[in-house]
């Protein structure tokens, strides 16, 4: 069974960050039979993680697996559909 590993970079607890986290939770629920692990990284608290992944804009979602490092930057509204396409 294919699994997803996602890393969401946010900055603080503003509206954009809250919306991105909410969408990521929807993605987690949308995956159905696939295992979906995710981490939320606040770049204010962990700037070294942003540097490590070359994240300069938030929100940024990085798919670590099944594909290596595709990025979704900004509005994540269509991520559920996009991730469904990545698995085909």
PDB file of N, CA and C in Angstrom:
ATOM      1  N   UNK A   1       0.835  -1.176   0.000  1.00  0.00           N
ATOM      2  CA  UNK A   1       0.000   0.000   0.000  1.00  0.00           C
ATOM      3  C   UNK A   1       0.883   1.244   0.000  1.00  0.00           C
ATOM      4  N   UNK A   2       0.596   2.143  -0.896  1.00  0.00           N
ATOM      5  CA  UNK A   2       1.372   3.371  -1.010  1.00  0.00           C
ATOM      6  C   UNK A   2       1.040   4.306   0.146  1.00  0.00           C
ATOM      7  N   UNK A   3       2.057   4.982   0.661  1.00  0.00           N
ATOM      8  CA  UNK A   3       1.827   5.939   1.737  1.00  0.00           C
ATOM      9  C   UNK A   3       2.408   7.287   1.362  1.00  0.00           C
ATOM     10  N   UNK A   4       1.833   8.313   1.948  1.00  0.00           N
ATOM     11  CA  UNK A   4       2.301   9.670   1.724  1.00  0.00           C
ATOM     12  C   UNK A   4       3.007  10.175   2.967  1.00  0.00           C
ATOM     13  N   UNK A   5       4.054  10.947   2.753  1.00  0.00           N
ATOM     14  CA  UNK A   5       4.717  11.662   3.823  1.00  0.00           C
ATOM     15  C   UNK A   5       4.754  13.132   3.412  1.00  0.00           C
ATOM     16  N   UNK A   6       4.088  13.965   4.193  1.00  0.00           N
ATOM     17  CA  UNK A   6       3.926  15.373   3.852  1.00  0.00           C
ATOM     18  C   UNK A   6       4.531  16.247   4.937  1.00  0.00           C
ATOM     19  N   UNK A   7       5.075  17.390   4.520  1.00  0.00           N
ATOM     20  CA  UNK A   7       5.626  18.358   5.461  1.00  0.00           C
ATOM     21  C   UNK A   7       5.075  19.725   5.070  1.00  0.00           C
ATOM     22  N   UNK A   8       4.337  20.346   5.994  1.00  0.00           N
ATOM     23  CA  UNK A   8       3.742  21.655   5.758  1.00  0.00           C
ATOM     24  C   UNK A   8       4.506  22.709   6.533  1.00  0.00           C
ATOM     25  N   UNK A   9       4.992  23.713   5.825  1.00  0.00           N
ATOM     26  CA  UNK A   9       5.692  24.834   6.445  1.00  0.00           C
ATOM     27  C   UNK A   9       4.736  26.016   6.534  1.00  0.00           C
ATOM     28  N   UNK A  10       4.582  26.537   7.755  1.00  0.00           N
ATOM     29  CA  UNK A  10       3.737  27.701   7.991  1.00  0.00           C
ATOM     30  C   UNK A  10       4.550  28.752   8.731  1.00  0.00           C
ATOM     31  N   UNK A  11       3.981  29.935   8.851  1.00  0.00           N
ATOM     32  CA  UNK A  11       4.639  31.004   9.592  1.00  0.00           C
ATOM     33  C   UNK A  11       3.651  31.582  10.602  1.00  0.00           C
ATOM     34  N   UNK A  12       3.808  31.187  11.857  1.00  0.00           N
ATOM     35  CA  UNK A  12       2.918  31.688  12.896  1.00  0.00           C
ATOM     36  C   UNK A  12       1.540  31.052  12.838  1.00  0.00           C
ATOM     37  N   UNK A  13       0.556  31.752  13.425  1.00  0.00           N
ATOM     38  CA  UNK A  13      -0.786  31.202  13.546  1.00  0.00           C
ATOM     39  C   UNK A  13      -1.836  32.085  12.877  1.00  0.00           C
ATOM     40  N   UNK A  14      -1.427  32.769  11.808  1.00  0.00           N
ATOM     41  CA  UNK A  14      -2.353  33.641  11.089  1.00  0.00           C
ATOM     42  C   UNK A  14      -3.376  32.860  10.281  1.00  0.00           C
ATOM     43  N   UNK A  15      -4.248  33.600   9.596  1.00  0.00           N
ATOM     44  CA  UNK A  15      -5.322  32.972   8.815  1.00  0.00           C
ATOM     45  C   UNK A  15      -4.791  32.032   7.740  1.00  0.00           C
ATOM     46  N   UNK A  16      -3.740  32.438   7.030  1.00  0.00           N
ATOM     47  CA  UNK A  16      -3.190  31.590   5.966  1.00  0.00           C
ATOM     48  C   UNK A  16      -2.641  30.291   6.547  1.00  0.00           C
ATOM     49  N   UNK A  17      -1.982  30.372   7.687  1.00  0.00           N
ATOM     50  CA  UNK A  17      -1.439  29.177   8.329  1.00  0.00           C
ATOM     51  C   UNK A  17      -2.565  28.271   8.799  1.00  0.00           C
ATOM     52  N   UNK A  18      -3.585  28.832   9.406  1.00  0.00           N
ATOM     53  CA  UNK A  18      -4.717  28.039   9.885  1.00  0.00           C
ATOM     54  C   UNK A  18      -5.426  27.344   8.729  1.00  0.00           C
ATOM     55  N   UNK A  19      -5.600  28.070   7.628  1.00  0.00           N
ATOM     56  CA  UNK A  19      -6.261  27.481   6.460  1.00  0.00           C
ATOM     57  C   UNK A  19      -5.419  26.333   5.899  1.00  0.00           C
ATOM     58  N   UNK A  20      -4.105  26.525   5.819  1.00  0.00           N
ATOM     59  CA  UNK A  20      -3.222  25.484   5.281  1.00  0.00           C
ATOM     60  C   UNK A  20      -3.272  24.229   6.150  1.00  0.00           C
ATOM     61  N   UNK A  21      -3.280  24.387   7.458  1.00  0.00           N
ATOM     62  CA  UNK A  21      -3.350  23.239   8.365  1.00  0.00           C
ATOM     63  C   UNK A  21      -4.693  22.532   8.194  1.00  0.00           C
ATOM     64  N   UNK A  22      -5.763  23.298   8.069  1.00  0.00           N
ATOM     65  CA  UNK A  22      -7.089  22.713   7.867  1.00  0.00           C
ATOM     66  C   UNK A  22      -7.130  21.901   6.565  1.00  0.00           C
ATOM     67  N   UNK A  23      -6.554  22.455   5.504  1.00  0.00           N
ATOM     68  CA  UNK A  23      -6.512  21.745   4.220  1.00  0.00           C
ATOM     69  C   UNK A  23      -5.666  20.483   4.335  1.00  0.00           C
ATOM     70  N   UNK A  24      -4.544  20.566   5.043  1.00  0.00           N
ATOM     71  CA  UNK A  24      -3.701  19.380   5.218  1.00  0.00           C
ATOM     72  C   UNK A  24      -4.455  18.282   5.967  1.00  0.00           C
ATOM     73  N   UNK A  25      -5.240  18.651   6.949  1.00  0.00           N
ATOM     74  CA  UNK A  25      -6.052  17.661   7.655  1.00  0.00           C
ATOM     75  C   UNK A  25      -7.077  17.045   6.713  1.00  0.00           C
ATOM     76  N   UNK A  26      -7.644  17.856   5.812  1.00  0.00           N
ATOM     77  CA  UNK A  26      -8.568  17.327   4.810  1.00  0.00           C
ATOM     78  C   UNK A  26      -7.854  16.341   3.891  1.00  0.00           C
ATOM     79  N   UNK A  27      -6.632  16.682   3.479  1.00  0.00           N
ATOM     80  CA  UNK A  27      -5.840  15.782   2.641  1.00  0.00           C
ATOM     81  C   UNK A  27      -5.621  14.465   3.378  1.00  0.00           C
ATOM     82  N   UNK A  28      -5.288  14.563   4.649  1.00  0.00           N
ATOM     83  CA  UNK A  28      -5.063  13.373   5.471  1.00  0.00           C
ATOM     84  C   UNK A  28      -6.307  12.488   5.459  1.00  0.00           C
ATOM     85  N   UNK A  29      -7.475  13.078   5.620  1.00  0.00           N
ATOM     86  CA  UNK A  29      -8.730  12.319   5.627  1.00  0.00           C
ATOM     87  C   UNK A  29      -9.091  11.808   4.237  1.00  0.00           C
ATOM     88  N   UNK A  30      -8.729  12.546   3.195  1.00  0.00           N
ATOM     89  CA  UNK A  30      -9.072  12.232   1.811  1.00  0.00           C
ATOM     90  C   UNK A  30      -8.340  10.993   1.305  1.00  0.00           C
ATOM     91  N   UNK A  31      -7.209  10.683   1.877  1.00  0.00           N
ATOM     92  CA  UNK A  31      -6.363   9.610   1.362  1.00  0.00           C
ATOM     93  C   UNK A  31      -6.969   8.226   1.556  1.00  0.00           C
ATOM     94  N   UNK A  32      -7.986   8.100   2.361  1.00  0.00           N
ATOM     95  CA  UNK A  32      -8.707   6.837   2.489  1.00  0.00           C
ATOM     96  C   UNK A  32      -7.821   5.683   2.926  1.00  0.00           C
ATOM     97  N   UNK A  33      -7.603   4.714   2.013  1.00  0.00           N
ATOM     98  CA  UNK A  33      -6.851   3.505   2.341  1.00  0.00           C
ATOM     99  C   UNK A  33      -5.351   3.731   2.447  1.00  0.00           C
ATOM    100  N   UNK A  34      -4.851   4.826   1.904  1.00  0.00           N
ATOM    101  CA  UNK A  34      -3.406   5.086   1.959  1.00  0.00           C
ATOM    102  C   UNK A  34      -3.031   5.663   3.315  1.00  0.00           C
ATOM    103  N   UNK A  35      -1.869   5.277   3.778  1.00  0.00           N
ATOM    104  CA  UNK A  35      -1.356   5.885   4.996  1.00  0.00           C
ATOM    105  C   UNK A  35      -0.839   7.270   4.640  1.00  0.00           C
ATOM    106  N   UNK A  36      -1.149   8.244   5.470  1.00  0.00           N
ATOM    107  CA  UNK A  36      -0.728   9.618   5.208  1.00  0.00           C
ATOM    108  C   UNK A  36      -0.201  10.215   6.500  1.00  0.00           C
ATOM    109  N   UNK A  37       1.113  10.398   6.562  1.00  0.00           N
ATOM    110  CA  UNK A  37       1.748  11.019   7.724  1.00  0.00           C
ATOM    111  C   UNK A  37       2.100  12.448   7.370  1.00  0.00           C
ATOM    112  N   UNK A  38       1.899  13.346   8.314  1.00  0.00           N
ATOM    113  CA  UNK A  38       2.274  14.729   8.037  1.00  0.00           C
ATOM    114  C   UNK A  38       2.848  15.402   9.266  1.00  0.00           C
ATOM    115  N   UNK A  39       3.712  16.361   8.991  1.00  0.00           N
ATOM    116  CA  UNK A  39       4.306  17.210  10.021  1.00  0.00           C
ATOM    117  C   UNK A  39       4.049  18.653   9.651  1.00  0.00           C
ATOM    118  N   UNK A  40       3.762  19.467  10.653  1.00  0.00           N
ATOM    119  CA  UNK A  40       3.607  20.900  10.456  1.00  0.00           C
ATOM    120  C   UNK A  40       4.811  21.564  11.107  1.00  0.00           C
ATOM    121  N   UNK A  41       5.507  22.396  10.321  1.00  0.00           N
ATOM    122  CA  UNK A  41       6.706  23.073  10.806  1.00  0.00           C
ATOM    123  C   UNK A  41       6.464  24.572  10.755  1.00  0.00           C
ATOM    124  N   UNK A  42       6.536  25.224  11.911  1.00  0.00           N
ATOM    125  CA  UNK A  42       6.420  26.679  11.973  1.00  0.00           C
ATOM    126  C   UNK A  42       7.830  27.250  11.782  1.00  0.00           C
ATOM    127  N   UNK A  43       8.025  27.962  10.681  1.00  0.00           N
ATOM    128  CA  UNK A  43       9.363  28.460  10.356  1.00  0.00           C
ATOM    129  C   UNK A  43       9.840  29.530  11.331  1.00  0.00           C
ATOM    130  N   UNK A  44       8.925  30.132  12.078  1.00  0.00           N
ATOM    131  CA  UNK A  44       9.322  31.096  13.099  1.00  0.00           C
ATOM    132  C   UNK A  44      10.032  30.364  14.234  1.00  0.00           C
ATOM    133  N   UNK A  45       9.509  29.198  14.596  1.00  0.00           N
ATOM    134  CA  UNK A  45      10.100  28.413  15.672  1.00  0.00           C
ATOM    135  C   UNK A  45      11.288  27.567  15.211  1.00  0.00           C
ATOM    136  N   UNK A  46      11.239  27.100  13.946  1.00  0.00           N
ATOM    137  CA  UNK A  46      12.271  26.187  13.425  1.00  0.00           C
ATOM    138  C   UNK A  46      12.822  26.685  12.087  1.00  0.00           C
ATOM    139  N   UNK A  47      13.502  27.823  12.091  1.00  0.00           N
ATOM    140  CA  UNK A  47      14.011  28.369  10.831  1.00  0.00           C
ATOM    141  C   UNK A  47      15.032  27.461  10.145  1.00  0.00           C
ATOM    142  N   UNK A  48      15.723  26.621  10.918  1.00  0.00           N
ATOM    143  CA  UNK A  48      16.705  25.720  10.314  1.00  0.00           C
ATOM    144  C   UNK A  48      16.030  24.696   9.405  1.00  0.00           C
ATOM    145  N   UNK A  49      14.808  24.310   9.711  1.00  0.00           N
ATOM    146  CA  UNK A  49      14.070  23.384   8.853  1.00  0.00           C
ATOM    147  C   UNK A  49      13.706  24.055   7.526  1.00  0.00           C
ATOM    148  N   UNK A  50      13.335  25.329   7.589  1.00  0.00           N
ATOM    149  CA  UNK A  50      13.029  26.077   6.361  1.00  0.00           C
ATOM    150  C   UNK A  50      14.278  26.151   5.483  1.00  0.00           C
ATOM    151  N   UNK A  51      15.418  26.416   6.085  1.00  0.00           N
ATOM    152  CA  UNK A  51      16.669  26.474   5.320  1.00  0.00           C
ATOM    153  C   UNK A  51      17.007  25.115   4.720  1.00  0.00           C
ATOM    154  N   UNK A  52      16.848  24.065   5.507  1.00  0.00           N
ATOM    155  CA  UNK A  52      17.176  22.711   5.046  1.00  0.00           C
ATOM    156  C   UNK A  52      16.368  22.338   3.807  1.00  0.00           C
ATOM    157  N   UNK A  53      15.108  22.743   3.755  1.00  0.00           N
ATOM    158  CA  UNK A  53      14.226  22.396   2.639  1.00  0.00           C
ATOM    159  C   UNK A  53      14.078  23.534   1.622  1.00  0.00           C
ATOM    160  N   UNK A  54      14.882  24.577   1.784  1.00  0.00           N
ATOM    161  CA  UNK A  54      14.832  25.736   0.880  1.00  0.00           C
ATOM    162  C   UNK A  54      13.432  26.312   0.762  1.00  0.00           C
ATOM    163  N   UNK A  55      12.800  26.519   1.894  1.00  0.00           N
ATOM    164  CA  UNK A  55      11.466  27.120   1.943  1.00  0.00           C
ATOM    165  C   UNK A  55      11.627  28.602   2.229  1.00  0.00           C
ATOM    166  N   UNK A  56      11.132  29.417   1.288  1.00  0.00           N
ATOM    167  CA  UNK A  56      11.244  30.867   1.411  1.00  0.00           C
ATOM    168  C   UNK A  56       9.890  31.545   1.528  1.00  0.00           C
ATOM    169  N   UNK A  57       8.818  30.807   1.222  1.00  0.00           N
ATOM    170  CA  UNK A  57       7.462  31.339   1.238  1.00  0.00           C
ATOM    171  C   UNK A  57       6.582  30.354   1.992  1.00  0.00           C
ATOM    172  N   UNK A  58       5.659  30.885   2.791  1.00  0.00           N
ATOM    173  CA  UNK A  58       4.711  30.014   3.477  1.00  0.00           C
ATOM    174  C   UNK A  58       3.302  30.441   3.115  1.00  0.00           C
ATOM    175  N   UNK A  59       2.350  29.520   3.127  1.00  0.00           N
ATOM    176  CA  UNK A  59       2.548  28.106   3.384  1.00  0.00           C
ATOM    177  C   UNK A  59       3.164  27.381   2.192  1.00  0.00           C
ATOM    178  N   UNK A  60       3.964  26.379   2.496  1.00  0.00           N
ATOM    179  CA  UNK A  60       4.547  25.488   1.493  1.00  0.00           C
ATOM    180  C   UNK A  60       4.330  24.055   1.958  1.00  0.00           C
ATOM    181  N   UNK A  61       3.807  23.235   1.065  1.00  0.00           N
ATOM    182  CA  UNK A  61       3.623  21.823   1.343  1.00  0.00           C
ATOM    183  C   UNK A  61       4.601  21.040   0.496  1.00  0.00           C
ATOM    184  N   UNK A  62       5.386  20.187   1.148  1.00  0.00           N
ATOM    185  CA  UNK A  62       6.349  19.338   0.441  1.00  0.00           C
ATOM    186  C   UNK A  62       5.904  17.889   0.591  1.00  0.00           C
ATOM    187  N   UNK A  63       5.831  17.197  -0.545  1.00  0.00           N
ATOM    188  CA  UNK A  63       5.516  15.771  -0.540  1.00  0.00           C
ATOM    189  C   UNK A  63       6.853  15.032  -0.550  1.00  0.00           C
ATOM    190  N   UNK A  64       7.176  14.400   0.572  1.00  0.00           N
ATOM    191  CA  UNK A  64       8.457  13.695   0.665  1.00  0.00           C
ATOM    192  C   UNK A  64       8.375  12.310   0.038  1.00  0.00           C
ATOM    193  N   UNK A  65       7.227  11.677   0.104  1.00  0.00           N
ATOM    194  CA  UNK A  65       7.019  10.421  -0.607  1.00  0.00           C
ATOM    195  C   UNK A  65       5.529  10.341  -0.928  1.00  0.00           C
ATOM    196  N   UNK A  66       5.133   9.737  -2.016  1.00  0.00           N
ATOM    197  CA  UNK A  66       5.857   8.811  -2.855  1.00  0.00           C
ATOM    198  C   UNK A  66       6.819   9.484  -3.823  1.00  0.00           C
ATOM    199  N   UNK A  67       6.617  10.724  -4.193  1.00  0.00           N
ATOM    200  CA  UNK A  67       7.585  11.403  -5.058  1.00  0.00           C
ATOM    201  C   UNK A  67       8.439  12.294  -4.162  1.00  0.00           C
ATOM    202  N   UNK A  68       9.585  12.591  -4.622  1.00  0.00           N
ATOM    203  CA  UNK A  68      10.530  13.333  -3.795  1.00  0.00           C
ATOM    204  C   UNK A  68      10.409  14.829  -4.032  1.00  0.00           C
ATOM    205  N   UNK A  69       9.928  15.553  -3.056  1.00  0.00           N
ATOM    206  CA  UNK A  69       9.921  17.012  -2.981  1.00  0.00           C
ATOM    207  C   UNK A  69       9.078  17.786  -3.993  1.00  0.00           C
ATOM    208  N   UNK A  70       7.957  17.286  -4.499  1.00  0.00           N
ATOM    209  CA  UNK A  70       7.102  18.230  -5.215  1.00  0.00           C
ATOM    210  C   UNK A  70       6.569  19.242  -4.204  1.00  0.00           C
ATOM    211  N   UNK A  71       6.427  20.475  -4.630  1.00  0.00           N
ATOM    212  CA  UNK A  71       6.027  21.546  -3.725  1.00  0.00           C
ATOM    213  C   UNK A  71       4.732  22.184  -4.178  1.00  0.00           C
ATOM    214  N   UNK A  72       3.941  22.545  -3.183  1.00  0.00           N
ATOM    215  CA  UNK A  72       2.743  23.334  -3.399  1.00  0.00           C
ATOM    216  C   UNK A  72       2.913  24.570  -2.538  1.00  0.00           C
ATOM    217  N   UNK A  73       2.887  25.717  -3.167  1.00  0.00           N
ATOM    218  CA  UNK A  73       3.169  26.971  -2.470  1.00  0.00           C
ATOM    219  C   UNK A  73       1.936  27.858  -2.524  1.00  0.00           C
ATOM    220  N   UNK A  74       1.641  28.482  -1.371  1.00  0.00           N
ATOM    221  CA  UNK A  74       0.527  29.415  -1.327  1.00  0.00           C
ATOM    222  C   UNK A  74      -0.784  28.712  -1.033  1.00  0.00           C
ATOM    223  N   UNK A  75      -1.816  29.051  -1.796  1.00  0.00           N
ATOM    224  CA  UNK A  75      -3.147  28.494  -1.587  1.00  0.00           C
ATOM    225  C   UNK A  75      -3.138  26.998  -1.891  1.00  0.00           C
ATOM    226  N   UNK A  76      -3.502  26.198  -0.923  1.00  0.00           N
ATOM    227  CA  UNK A  76      -3.434  24.750  -1.068  1.00  0.00           C
ATOM    228  C   UNK A  76      -4.797  24.132  -1.369  1.00  0.00           C
ATOM    229  N   UNK A  77      -5.729  24.915  -1.880  1.00  0.00           N
ATOM    230  CA  UNK A  77      -7.109  24.478  -2.056  1.00  0.00           C
ATOM    231  C   UNK A  77      -7.268  23.215  -2.880  1.00  0.00           C
ATOM    232  N   UNK A  78      -6.440  23.007  -3.877  1.00  0.00           N
ATOM    233  CA  UNK A  78      -6.628  21.872  -4.780  1.00  0.00           C
ATOM    234  C   UNK A  78      -5.657  20.722  -4.512  1.00  0.00           C
ATOM    235  N   UNK A  79      -5.034  20.720  -3.360  1.00  0.00           N
ATOM    236  CA  UNK A  79      -4.023  19.709  -3.061  1.00  0.00           C
ATOM    237  C   UNK A  79      -4.599  18.299  -3.044  1.00  0.00           C
ATOM    238  N   UNK A  80      -5.812  18.108  -2.550  1.00  0.00           N
ATOM    239  CA  UNK A  80      -6.407  16.765  -2.506  1.00  0.00           C
ATOM    240  C   UNK A  80      -6.449  16.150  -3.901  1.00  0.00           C
ATOM    241  N   UNK A  81      -6.925  16.920  -4.870  1.00  0.00           N
ATOM    242  CA  UNK A  81      -7.014  16.409  -6.236  1.00  0.00           C
ATOM    243  C   UNK A  81      -5.626  16.164  -6.835  1.00  0.00           C
ATOM    244  N   UNK A  82      -4.705  17.066  -6.562  1.00  0.00           N
ATOM    245  CA  UNK A  82      -3.349  16.940  -7.101  1.00  0.00           C
ATOM    246  C   UNK A  82      -2.666  15.700  -6.546  1.00  0.00           C
ATOM    247  N   UNK A  83      -2.790  15.461  -5.247  1.00  0.00           N
ATOM    248  CA  UNK A  83      -2.170  14.285  -4.643  1.00  0.00           C
ATOM    249  C   UNK A  83      -2.790  13.009  -5.191  1.00  0.00           C
ATOM    250  N   UNK A  84      -4.068  13.033  -5.497  1.00  0.00           N
ATOM    251  CA  UNK A  84      -4.695  11.881  -6.134  1.00  0.00           C
ATOM    252  C   UNK A  84      -4.072  11.612  -7.481  1.00  0.00           C
ATOM    253  N   UNK A  85      -3.725  12.658  -8.237  1.00  0.00           N
ATOM    254  CA  UNK A  85      -3.082  12.507  -9.537  1.00  0.00           C
ATOM    255  C   UNK A  85      -1.651  11.997  -9.411  1.00  0.00           C
ATOM    256  N   UNK A  86      -0.958  12.318  -8.340  1.00  0.00           N
ATOM    257  CA  UNK A  86       0.429  11.887  -8.172  1.00  0.00           C
ATOM    258  C   UNK A  86       0.539  10.378  -8.021  1.00  0.00           C
ATOM    259  N   UNK A  87      -0.498   9.760  -7.507  1.00  0.00           N
ATOM    260  CA  UNK A  87      -0.419   8.326  -7.251  1.00  0.00           C
ATOM    261  C   UNK A  87      -0.745   7.490  -8.469  1.00  0.00           C
ATOM    262  N   UNK A  88      -1.188   8.102  -9.563  1.00  0.00           N
ATOM    263  CA  UNK A  88      -1.537   7.327 -10.753  1.00  0.00           C
ATOM    264  C   UNK A  88      -0.384   7.254 -11.728  1.00  0.00           C
TER     265      UNK A  88
END
